[in-house]
């Protein structure tokens, strides 16, 4: 709704206000025309003969035309009022649908935000998984290197006929069992 803040700007008449004004004007016209029309119909429908009052056949045809026109006007006014009512209903439906569209757009924006957040979290987790895989691969490589060094040490010790005092404990660790 437009608000007049001054400066000579006229407030635009809303569509609903314009419709109400038109319907009020039509109903007032129908009431005043109806009252006038009833009086005229009474005058026009008084049976007169052309000989008793000196009337002419054209006067009777004018009265019939006037009555037909009034009936046509009333019919058109009724059609117009029905059309305005239907227009009002359609406008209300349109407003309701536009409101529903706005709600759906808001919901869609929320879903898009959630989706983008989930995508961001997924990328972050994928990066973290890659980093952890590299760390695991590095640790596995280091583990394999240490095993081979221990195997070389044990081979050198056996070749030289030496014995380690903690041989059993280190063997158990290498084999994955603890005999302690």
N, C-alpha and C. Protein backbone atom coordinates (compact mmCIF):
# COMPACT_ATOMS: atom_id res chain seq x y z
N UNK A 1 0.85 -1.16 0.00
CA UNK A 1 0.00 0.00 0.00
C UNK A 1 0.90 1.22 0.00
N UNK A 2 0.64 2.17 -0.88
CA UNK A 2 1.45 3.37 -0.95
C UNK A 2 1.06 4.34 0.14
N UNK A 3 2.05 5.03 0.66
CA UNK A 3 1.80 6.00 1.71
C UNK A 3 2.23 7.36 1.18
N UNK A 4 1.45 8.37 1.46
CA UNK A 4 1.76 9.71 1.00
C UNK A 4 2.64 10.39 2.02
N UNK A 5 3.90 10.67 1.65
CA UNK A 5 4.82 11.33 2.54
C UNK A 5 4.92 12.82 2.24
N UNK A 6 4.05 13.31 1.45
CA UNK A 6 4.09 14.73 1.11
C UNK A 6 4.78 14.92 -0.22
N UNK A 7 4.99 16.17 -0.56
CA UNK A 7 5.70 16.43 -1.80
C UNK A 7 4.79 16.38 -3.00
N UNK A 8 3.50 16.42 -2.82
CA UNK A 8 2.58 16.50 -3.94
C UNK A 8 2.30 15.18 -4.62
N UNK A 9 2.76 14.09 -4.10
CA UNK A 9 2.49 12.80 -4.73
C UNK A 9 1.13 12.31 -4.30
N UNK A 10 0.36 11.82 -5.27
CA UNK A 10 -0.95 11.24 -4.95
C UNK A 10 -0.78 9.79 -4.62
N UNK A 11 -1.58 9.34 -3.71
CA UNK A 11 -1.56 7.94 -3.34
C UNK A 11 -2.31 7.15 -4.39
N UNK A 12 -1.70 6.08 -4.86
CA UNK A 12 -2.35 5.23 -5.86
C UNK A 12 -3.51 4.49 -5.20
N UNK A 13 -4.63 4.43 -5.90
CA UNK A 13 -5.80 3.74 -5.37
C UNK A 13 -5.57 2.25 -5.56
N UNK A 14 -5.75 1.52 -4.51
CA UNK A 14 -5.53 0.08 -4.62
C UNK A 14 -6.65 -0.54 -5.45
N UNK A 15 -6.38 -1.69 -6.00
CA UNK A 15 -7.34 -2.36 -6.86
C UNK A 15 -8.60 -2.71 -6.08
N UNK A 16 -8.42 -3.15 -4.84
CA UNK A 16 -9.57 -3.54 -4.04
C UNK A 16 -10.44 -2.33 -3.75
N UNK A 17 -9.83 -1.18 -3.44
CA UNK A 17 -10.59 0.03 -3.16
C UNK A 17 -11.35 0.47 -4.41
N UNK A 18 -10.71 0.40 -5.56
CA UNK A 18 -11.36 0.78 -6.80
C UNK A 18 -12.56 -0.12 -7.08
N UNK A 19 -12.40 -1.42 -6.84
CA UNK A 19 -13.52 -2.35 -7.05
C UNK A 19 -14.67 -2.02 -6.12
N UNK A 20 -14.34 -1.72 -4.86
CA UNK A 20 -15.39 -1.40 -3.90
C UNK A 20 -16.12 -0.13 -4.32
N UNK A 21 -15.37 0.87 -4.81
CA UNK A 21 -16.00 2.12 -5.25
C UNK A 21 -16.94 1.86 -6.42
N UNK A 22 -16.50 1.06 -7.37
CA UNK A 22 -17.34 0.76 -8.53
C UNK A 22 -18.61 0.03 -8.10
N UNK A 23 -18.46 -0.96 -7.23
CA UNK A 23 -19.64 -1.70 -6.77
C UNK A 23 -20.59 -0.80 -5.99
N UNK A 24 -20.06 0.10 -5.15
CA UNK A 24 -20.91 1.03 -4.41
C UNK A 24 -21.67 1.94 -5.37
N UNK A 25 -20.95 2.45 -6.38
CA UNK A 25 -21.58 3.35 -7.35
C UNK A 25 -22.70 2.62 -8.10
N UNK A 26 -22.43 1.38 -8.48
CA UNK A 26 -23.44 0.60 -9.21
C UNK A 26 -24.66 0.36 -8.35
N UNK A 27 -24.42 0.00 -7.09
CA UNK A 27 -25.58 -0.27 -6.22
C UNK A 27 -26.37 1.00 -5.95
N UNK A 28 -25.70 2.15 -5.78
CA UNK A 28 -26.43 3.41 -5.59
C UNK A 28 -27.24 3.76 -6.83
N UNK A 29 -26.60 3.61 -7.99
CA UNK A 29 -27.31 3.91 -9.24
C UNK A 29 -28.50 2.98 -9.42
N UNK A 30 -28.29 1.71 -9.07
CA UNK A 30 -29.38 0.75 -9.22
C UNK A 30 -30.53 1.11 -8.29
N UNK A 31 -30.21 1.55 -7.07
CA UNK A 31 -31.27 1.93 -6.13
C UNK A 31 -32.02 3.16 -6.62
N UNK A 32 -31.27 4.19 -7.02
CA UNK A 32 -31.94 5.42 -7.48
C UNK A 32 -32.67 5.18 -8.79
N UNK A 33 -32.03 4.43 -9.69
CA UNK A 33 -32.71 4.14 -10.96
C UNK A 33 -33.91 3.24 -10.72
N UNK A 34 -33.78 2.34 -9.76
CA UNK A 34 -34.89 1.44 -9.45
C UNK A 34 -36.09 2.22 -8.93
N UNK A 35 -35.83 3.19 -8.06
CA UNK A 35 -36.95 4.00 -7.53
C UNK A 35 -37.57 4.82 -8.64
N UNK A 36 -36.72 5.48 -9.44
CA UNK A 36 -37.25 6.29 -10.54
C UNK A 36 -37.95 5.40 -11.55
N UNK A 37 -37.31 4.25 -11.78
CA UNK A 37 -37.86 3.33 -12.77
C UNK A 37 -39.21 2.81 -12.35
N UNK A 38 -39.39 2.55 -11.05
CA UNK A 38 -40.68 2.06 -10.57
C UNK A 38 -41.77 3.09 -10.82
N UNK A 39 -41.46 4.37 -10.54
CA UNK A 39 -42.44 5.43 -10.77
C UNK A 39 -42.76 5.55 -12.26
N UNK A 40 -41.69 5.51 -13.07
CA UNK A 40 -41.90 5.63 -14.51
C UNK A 40 -42.65 4.42 -15.05
N UNK A 41 -42.31 3.22 -14.52
CA UNK A 41 -43.01 2.01 -14.95
C UNK A 41 -44.49 2.09 -14.62
N UNK A 42 -44.78 2.64 -13.44
CA UNK A 42 -46.19 2.77 -13.06
C UNK A 42 -46.90 3.70 -14.03
N UNK A 43 -46.24 4.83 -14.34
CA UNK A 43 -46.84 5.79 -15.27
C UNK A 43 -46.97 5.18 -16.66
N UNK A 44 -45.89 4.48 -17.07
CA UNK A 44 -45.88 3.92 -18.41
C UNK A 44 -46.81 2.73 -18.55
N UNK A 45 -47.03 2.00 -17.48
CA UNK A 45 -47.84 0.79 -17.57
C UNK A 45 -49.32 1.05 -17.33
N UNK A 46 -49.68 2.29 -17.09
CA UNK A 46 -51.11 2.59 -16.97
C UNK A 46 -51.71 2.38 -18.35
N UNK A 47 -52.71 1.53 -18.41
CA UNK A 47 -53.27 1.24 -19.73
C UNK A 47 -53.91 2.49 -20.32
N UNK A 48 -53.43 2.86 -21.43
CA UNK A 48 -54.01 4.01 -22.14
C UNK A 48 -54.29 3.58 -23.56
N UNK A 49 -55.29 4.16 -24.06
CA UNK A 49 -55.59 3.90 -25.47
C UNK A 49 -55.33 5.18 -26.22
N UNK A 50 -54.99 5.03 -27.40
CA UNK A 50 -54.65 6.21 -28.20
C UNK A 50 -55.86 7.10 -28.41
N UNK A 51 -57.04 6.56 -28.31
CA UNK A 51 -58.21 7.38 -28.56
C UNK A 51 -58.64 8.13 -27.32
N UNK A 52 -58.49 7.53 -26.12
CA UNK A 52 -59.01 8.19 -24.93
C UNK A 52 -58.11 9.34 -24.48
N UNK A 53 -56.81 9.25 -24.61
CA UNK A 53 -55.93 10.32 -24.15
C UNK A 53 -55.23 11.00 -25.30
N UNK A 54 -55.42 10.57 -26.40
CA UNK A 54 -54.78 11.18 -27.55
C UNK A 54 -53.34 10.71 -27.72
N UNK A 55 -53.01 9.51 -27.18
CA UNK A 55 -51.66 8.99 -27.28
C UNK A 55 -51.37 8.46 -28.66
N UNK A 56 -50.15 8.25 -28.93
CA UNK A 56 -49.75 7.75 -30.24
C UNK A 56 -49.08 6.39 -30.07
N UNK A 57 -49.09 5.60 -31.11
CA UNK A 57 -48.43 4.30 -31.04
C UNK A 57 -46.93 4.44 -30.77
N UNK A 58 -46.32 5.54 -31.16
CA UNK A 58 -44.88 5.70 -30.93
C UNK A 58 -44.59 5.86 -29.44
N UNK A 59 -45.54 6.45 -28.69
CA UNK A 59 -45.36 6.61 -27.26
C UNK A 59 -45.34 5.23 -26.59
N UNK A 60 -46.22 4.34 -26.99
CA UNK A 60 -46.25 2.99 -26.44
C UNK A 60 -44.96 2.23 -26.78
N UNK A 61 -44.48 2.39 -27.99
CA UNK A 61 -43.25 1.69 -28.38
C UNK A 61 -42.05 2.25 -27.62
N UNK A 62 -42.07 3.56 -27.34
CA UNK A 62 -40.98 4.15 -26.55
C UNK A 62 -41.00 3.59 -25.13
N UNK A 63 -42.18 3.42 -24.57
CA UNK A 63 -42.30 2.87 -23.22
C UNK A 63 -41.79 1.43 -23.19
N UNK A 64 -42.14 0.67 -24.23
CA UNK A 64 -41.67 -0.70 -24.31
C UNK A 64 -40.14 -0.75 -24.47
N UNK A 65 -39.62 0.15 -25.29
CA UNK A 65 -38.17 0.21 -25.48
C UNK A 65 -37.47 0.57 -24.17
N UNK A 66 -38.05 1.55 -23.45
CA UNK A 66 -37.47 1.98 -22.18
C UNK A 66 -37.48 0.82 -21.18
N UNK A 67 -38.58 0.09 -21.11
CA UNK A 67 -38.67 -1.05 -20.19
C UNK A 67 -37.66 -2.12 -20.59
N UNK A 68 -37.52 -2.38 -21.88
CA UNK A 68 -36.56 -3.37 -22.35
C UNK A 68 -35.13 -2.93 -22.03
N UNK A 69 -34.87 -1.64 -22.22
CA UNK A 69 -33.54 -1.12 -21.92
C UNK A 69 -33.24 -1.22 -20.43
N UNK A 70 -34.23 -0.90 -19.59
CA UNK A 70 -34.03 -0.99 -18.14
C UNK A 70 -33.76 -2.44 -17.73
N UNK A 71 -34.50 -3.34 -18.34
CA UNK A 71 -34.29 -4.76 -18.04
C UNK A 71 -32.89 -5.19 -18.47
N UNK A 72 -32.48 -4.71 -19.64
CA UNK A 72 -31.15 -5.02 -20.16
C UNK A 72 -30.07 -4.44 -19.23
N UNK A 73 -30.28 -3.19 -18.75
CA UNK A 73 -29.33 -2.55 -17.84
C UNK A 73 -29.23 -3.34 -16.54
N UNK A 74 -30.38 -3.74 -15.99
CA UNK A 74 -30.37 -4.53 -14.76
C UNK A 74 -29.64 -5.86 -14.97
N UNK A 75 -29.90 -6.48 -16.11
CA UNK A 75 -29.24 -7.74 -16.42
C UNK A 75 -27.73 -7.55 -16.53
N UNK A 76 -27.31 -6.46 -17.20
CA UNK A 76 -25.89 -6.18 -17.35
C UNK A 76 -25.25 -5.84 -16.00
N UNK A 77 -26.00 -5.11 -15.16
CA UNK A 77 -25.48 -4.80 -13.82
C UNK A 77 -25.29 -6.08 -13.01
N UNK A 78 -26.24 -6.98 -13.10
CA UNK A 78 -26.11 -8.25 -12.39
C UNK A 78 -24.91 -9.04 -12.90
N UNK A 79 -24.75 -9.07 -14.24
CA UNK A 79 -23.61 -9.76 -14.82
C UNK A 79 -22.30 -9.12 -14.35
N UNK A 80 -22.29 -7.78 -14.33
CA UNK A 80 -21.09 -7.07 -13.90
C UNK A 80 -20.77 -7.38 -12.44
N UNK A 81 -21.78 -7.40 -11.60
CA UNK A 81 -21.56 -7.70 -10.18
C UNK A 81 -21.04 -9.13 -10.01
N UNK A 82 -21.61 -10.07 -10.78
CA UNK A 82 -21.12 -11.44 -10.71
C UNK A 82 -19.67 -11.52 -11.19
N UNK A 83 -19.39 -10.78 -12.27
CA UNK A 83 -18.02 -10.77 -12.80
C UNK A 83 -17.06 -10.16 -11.77
N UNK A 84 -17.47 -9.09 -11.12
CA UNK A 84 -16.62 -8.47 -10.10
C UNK A 84 -16.41 -9.42 -8.93
N UNK A 85 -17.45 -10.15 -8.56
CA UNK A 85 -17.33 -11.12 -7.47
C UNK A 85 -16.35 -12.22 -7.87
N UNK A 86 -16.49 -12.72 -9.09
CA UNK A 86 -15.58 -13.77 -9.58
C UNK A 86 -14.15 -13.23 -9.65
N UNK A 87 -14.03 -11.98 -10.13
CA UNK A 87 -12.71 -11.36 -10.20
C UNK A 87 -12.10 -11.26 -8.81
N UNK A 88 -12.91 -10.89 -7.84
CA UNK A 88 -12.45 -10.79 -6.46
C UNK A 88 -11.99 -12.15 -5.95
N UNK A 89 -12.76 -13.19 -6.24
CA UNK A 89 -12.37 -14.54 -5.83
C UNK A 89 -11.06 -14.96 -6.49
N UNK A 90 -10.95 -14.68 -7.80
CA UNK A 90 -9.72 -15.04 -8.51
C UNK A 90 -8.53 -14.27 -7.96
N UNK A 91 -8.75 -13.00 -7.63
CA UNK A 91 -7.68 -12.19 -7.07
C UNK A 91 -7.26 -12.75 -5.71
N UNK A 92 -8.23 -13.18 -4.91
CA UNK A 92 -7.91 -13.78 -3.61
C UNK A 92 -7.12 -15.08 -3.80
N UNK A 93 -7.55 -15.90 -4.76
CA UNK A 93 -6.83 -17.14 -5.05
C UNK A 93 -5.41 -16.84 -5.52
N UNK A 94 -5.30 -15.82 -6.37
CA UNK A 94 -3.98 -15.43 -6.87
C UNK A 94 -3.09 -15.00 -5.71
N UNK A 95 -3.64 -14.20 -4.80
CA UNK A 95 -2.86 -13.75 -3.64
C UNK A 95 -2.43 -14.94 -2.79
N UNK A 96 -3.34 -15.88 -2.59
CA UNK A 96 -3.00 -17.07 -1.80
C UNK A 96 -1.90 -17.88 -2.49
N UNK A 97 -2.01 -18.02 -3.81
CA UNK A 97 -1.00 -18.78 -4.55
C UNK A 97 0.35 -18.06 -4.53
N UNK A 98 0.33 -16.73 -4.64
CA UNK A 98 1.58 -15.98 -4.58
C UNK A 98 2.23 -16.12 -3.20
N UNK A 99 1.40 -16.12 -2.17
CA UNK A 99 1.92 -16.32 -0.82
C UNK A 99 2.54 -17.71 -0.69
N UNK A 100 1.86 -18.70 -1.24
CA UNK A 100 2.38 -20.07 -1.20
C UNK A 100 3.69 -20.17 -1.98
N UNK A 101 3.76 -19.46 -3.11
CA UNK A 101 5.00 -19.45 -3.90
C UNK A 101 6.13 -18.85 -3.09
N UNK A 102 5.83 -17.74 -2.38
CA UNK A 102 6.86 -17.12 -1.54
C UNK A 102 7.34 -18.09 -0.45
N UNK A 103 6.40 -18.80 0.16
CA UNK A 103 6.78 -19.78 1.18
C UNK A 103 7.66 -20.87 0.59
N UNK A 104 7.28 -21.36 -0.60
CA UNK A 104 8.07 -22.41 -1.25
C UNK A 104 9.45 -21.90 -1.64
N UNK A 105 9.53 -20.64 -2.09
CA UNK A 105 10.83 -20.06 -2.43
C UNK A 105 11.70 -19.96 -1.19
N UNK A 106 11.11 -19.52 -0.07
CA UNK A 106 11.86 -19.44 1.18
C UNK A 106 12.37 -20.82 1.60
N UNK A 107 11.49 -21.80 1.48
CA UNK A 107 11.87 -23.17 1.84
C UNK A 107 12.99 -23.67 0.93
N UNK A 108 12.88 -23.35 -0.37
CA UNK A 108 13.90 -23.77 -1.32
C UNK A 108 15.25 -23.10 -1.00
N UNK A 109 15.22 -21.81 -0.63
CA UNK A 109 16.46 -21.13 -0.26
C UNK A 109 17.09 -21.77 0.96
N UNK A 110 16.26 -22.12 1.95
CA UNK A 110 16.78 -22.80 3.14
C UNK A 110 17.42 -24.13 2.76
N UNK A 111 16.75 -24.89 1.88
CA UNK A 111 17.28 -26.19 1.45
C UNK A 111 18.60 -26.00 0.70
N UNK A 112 18.66 -24.95 -0.14
CA UNK A 112 19.90 -24.69 -0.88
C UNK A 112 21.03 -24.34 0.07
N UNK A 113 20.72 -23.56 1.12
CA UNK A 113 21.75 -23.22 2.11
C UNK A 113 22.22 -24.48 2.84
N UNK A 114 21.26 -25.33 3.21
CA UNK A 114 21.63 -26.58 3.88
C UNK A 114 22.48 -27.45 2.96
N UNK A 115 22.11 -27.49 1.67
CA UNK A 115 22.87 -28.29 0.71
C UNK A 115 24.28 -27.75 0.54
N UNK A 116 24.42 -26.43 0.43
CA UNK A 116 25.76 -25.86 0.27
C UNK A 116 26.59 -26.10 1.52
N UNK A 117 25.96 -26.01 2.70
CA UNK A 117 26.68 -26.29 3.95
C UNK A 117 27.12 -27.76 3.98
N UNK A 118 26.23 -28.66 3.59
CA UNK A 118 26.57 -30.09 3.56
C UNK A 118 27.69 -30.36 2.56
N UNK A 119 27.65 -29.68 1.41
CA UNK A 119 28.73 -29.84 0.41
C UNK A 119 30.06 -29.36 0.97
N UNK A 120 30.02 -28.21 1.68
CA UNK A 120 31.24 -27.68 2.30
C UNK A 120 31.80 -28.68 3.32
N UNK A 121 30.91 -29.18 4.18
CA UNK A 121 31.34 -30.15 5.19
C UNK A 121 31.88 -31.42 4.53
N UNK A 122 31.25 -31.84 3.44
CA UNK A 122 31.71 -33.04 2.72
C UNK A 122 33.11 -32.81 2.14
N UNK A 123 33.33 -31.63 1.54
CA UNK A 123 34.66 -31.32 1.00
C UNK A 123 35.70 -31.30 2.13
N UNK A 124 35.33 -30.68 3.26
CA UNK A 124 36.26 -30.63 4.39
C UNK A 124 36.59 -32.03 4.89
N UNK A 125 35.56 -32.87 5.01
CA UNK A 125 35.78 -34.25 5.46
C UNK A 125 36.61 -35.04 4.45
N UNK A 126 36.36 -34.82 3.17
CA UNK A 126 37.14 -35.52 2.14
C UNK A 126 38.61 -35.10 2.23
N UNK A 127 38.84 -33.82 2.45
CA UNK A 127 40.22 -33.34 2.61
C UNK A 127 40.87 -33.97 3.84
N UNK A 128 40.11 -34.03 4.92
CA UNK A 128 40.63 -34.63 6.16
C UNK A 128 40.91 -36.12 5.95
N UNK A 129 40.04 -36.82 5.24
CA UNK A 129 40.25 -38.25 4.96
C UNK A 129 41.52 -38.44 4.13
N UNK A 130 41.72 -37.59 3.11
CA UNK A 130 42.94 -37.70 2.30
C UNK A 130 44.18 -37.48 3.16
N UNK A 131 44.11 -36.49 4.04
CA UNK A 131 45.24 -36.22 4.93
C UNK A 131 45.51 -37.41 5.85
N UNK A 132 44.44 -37.98 6.40
CA UNK A 132 44.60 -39.15 7.28
C UNK A 132 45.15 -40.35 6.50
N UNK A 133 44.71 -40.53 5.26
CA UNK A 133 45.23 -41.63 4.44
C UNK A 133 46.72 -41.45 4.20
N UNK A 134 47.12 -40.21 3.90
CA UNK A 134 48.56 -39.95 3.70
C UNK A 134 49.33 -40.25 4.98
N UNK A 135 48.75 -39.83 6.11
CA UNK A 135 49.41 -40.09 7.39
C UNK A 135 49.53 -41.59 7.63
N UNK A 136 48.45 -42.32 7.37
CA UNK A 136 48.46 -43.79 7.55
C UNK A 136 49.48 -44.42 6.61
N UNK A 137 49.49 -43.97 5.34
CA UNK A 137 50.46 -44.52 4.39
C UNK A 137 51.89 -44.24 4.86
N UNK A 138 52.11 -43.03 5.37
CA UNK A 138 53.45 -42.69 5.89
C UNK A 138 53.81 -43.55 7.08
N UNK A 139 52.85 -43.74 7.99
CA UNK A 139 53.11 -44.58 9.16
C UNK A 139 53.34 -46.04 8.76
N UNK A 140 52.56 -46.53 7.79
CA UNK A 140 52.77 -47.91 7.30
C UNK A 140 54.16 -48.06 6.67
N UNK A 141 54.56 -47.04 5.91
CA UNK A 141 55.89 -47.10 5.30
C UNK A 141 56.97 -47.08 6.38
N UNK A 142 56.78 -46.22 7.39
CA UNK A 142 57.74 -46.16 8.49
C UNK A 142 57.76 -47.48 9.25
N UNK A 143 56.60 -48.07 9.44
CA UNK A 143 56.50 -49.36 10.13
C UNK A 143 57.24 -50.44 9.34
N UNK A 144 57.03 -50.46 8.04
CA UNK A 144 57.71 -51.45 7.20
C UNK A 144 59.22 -51.24 7.25
N UNK A 145 59.65 -50.00 7.23
CA UNK A 145 61.08 -49.70 7.29
C UNK A 145 61.67 -50.19 8.62
N UNK A 146 60.95 -49.91 9.71
CA UNK A 146 61.43 -50.34 11.02
C UNK A 146 61.48 -51.86 11.12
N UNK A 147 60.50 -52.55 10.57
CA UNK A 147 60.51 -54.02 10.58
C UNK A 147 61.71 -54.57 9.81
N UNK A 148 61.94 -53.95 8.65
CA UNK A 148 63.08 -54.45 7.86
C UNK A 148 64.39 -54.16 8.59
N UNK A 149 64.50 -53.03 9.28
CA UNK A 149 65.71 -52.73 10.04
C UNK A 149 65.88 -53.71 11.20
N UNK A 150 64.76 -54.04 11.87
CA UNK A 150 64.82 -55.01 12.96
C UNK A 150 65.22 -56.38 12.40
N UNK A 151 64.67 -56.74 11.26
CA UNK A 151 65.02 -58.03 10.65
C UNK A 151 66.51 -58.05 10.29
N UNK A 152 67.02 -56.94 9.76
CA UNK A 152 68.44 -56.86 9.42
C UNK A 152 69.29 -56.97 10.70
N UNK A 153 68.84 -56.30 11.76
CA UNK A 153 69.56 -56.36 13.04
C UNK A 153 69.62 -57.79 13.54
N UNK A 154 68.45 -58.45 13.52
CA UNK A 154 68.41 -59.83 14.00
C UNK A 154 69.31 -60.74 13.15
N UNK A 155 69.33 -60.51 11.86
CA UNK A 155 70.17 -61.31 10.97
C UNK A 155 71.65 -61.07 11.28
N UNK A 156 72.02 -59.83 11.51
CA UNK A 156 73.42 -59.50 11.82
C UNK A 156 73.81 -60.14 13.15
N UNK A 157 72.89 -60.10 14.11
CA UNK A 157 73.17 -60.68 15.42
C UNK A 157 73.35 -62.19 15.29
N UNK A 158 72.53 -62.86 14.52
CA UNK A 158 72.65 -64.31 14.35
C UNK A 158 73.92 -64.67 13.58
N UNK A 159 74.24 -63.87 12.58
CA UNK A 159 75.44 -64.15 11.79
C UNK A 159 76.70 -64.03 12.65
N UNK A 160 76.67 -63.13 13.59
CA UNK A 160 77.84 -62.92 14.44
C UNK A 160 77.78 -63.78 15.71
N UNK A 161 76.75 -64.55 15.91
CA UNK A 161 76.64 -65.45 17.04
C UNK A 161 76.33 -64.74 18.34
N UNK A 162 75.73 -63.62 18.26
CA UNK A 162 75.38 -62.87 19.46
C UNK A 162 73.94 -63.18 19.86
N UNK A 163 73.65 -62.92 21.15
CA UNK A 163 72.30 -63.15 21.64
C UNK A 163 71.86 -61.88 22.37
N UNK A 164 70.63 -61.47 22.11
CA UNK A 164 70.07 -60.31 22.81
C UNK A 164 69.39 -60.79 24.07
N UNK A 165 69.50 -60.00 25.15
CA UNK A 165 68.90 -60.38 26.41
C UNK A 165 67.39 -60.25 26.36
N UNK A 166 66.87 -59.35 25.63
CA UNK A 166 65.42 -59.13 25.56
C UNK A 166 64.86 -59.66 24.26
N UNK A 167 65.42 -60.71 23.76
CA UNK A 167 65.02 -61.29 22.49
C UNK A 167 63.56 -61.72 22.50
N UNK A 168 63.14 -62.36 23.56
CA UNK A 168 61.78 -62.89 23.60
C UNK A 168 60.74 -61.77 23.54
N UNK A 169 61.00 -60.72 24.26
CA UNK A 169 60.05 -59.61 24.31
C UNK A 169 59.93 -58.94 22.95
N UNK A 170 61.04 -58.70 22.27
CA UNK A 170 60.99 -58.04 20.96
C UNK A 170 60.36 -58.96 19.92
N UNK A 171 60.61 -60.28 20.02
CA UNK A 171 59.98 -61.22 19.09
C UNK A 171 58.47 -61.25 19.28
N UNK A 172 58.06 -61.19 20.53
CA UNK A 172 56.62 -61.19 20.81
C UNK A 172 55.97 -59.92 20.24
N UNK A 173 56.66 -58.82 20.35
CA UNK A 173 56.13 -57.57 19.80
C UNK A 173 56.06 -57.64 18.28
N UNK A 174 57.07 -58.22 17.67
CA UNK A 174 57.08 -58.34 16.21
C UNK A 174 55.98 -59.26 15.72
N UNK A 175 55.73 -60.32 16.46
CA UNK A 175 54.71 -61.28 16.05
C UNK A 175 53.31 -60.85 16.46
N UNK A 176 53.20 -59.82 17.28
CA UNK A 176 51.90 -59.31 17.69
C UNK A 176 51.34 -60.00 18.90
N UNK A 177 52.16 -60.81 19.61
CA UNK A 177 51.68 -61.47 20.83
C UNK A 177 52.54 -61.03 21.98
N UNK A 178 51.97 -61.06 23.14
CA UNK A 178 52.70 -60.64 24.34
C UNK A 178 52.69 -61.80 25.32
N UNK A 179 53.86 -62.39 25.58
CA UNK A 179 53.97 -63.54 26.47
C UNK A 179 54.31 -63.15 27.89
N UNK A 180 54.33 -61.95 28.23
CA UNK A 180 54.74 -61.50 29.55
C UNK A 180 53.72 -61.82 30.58
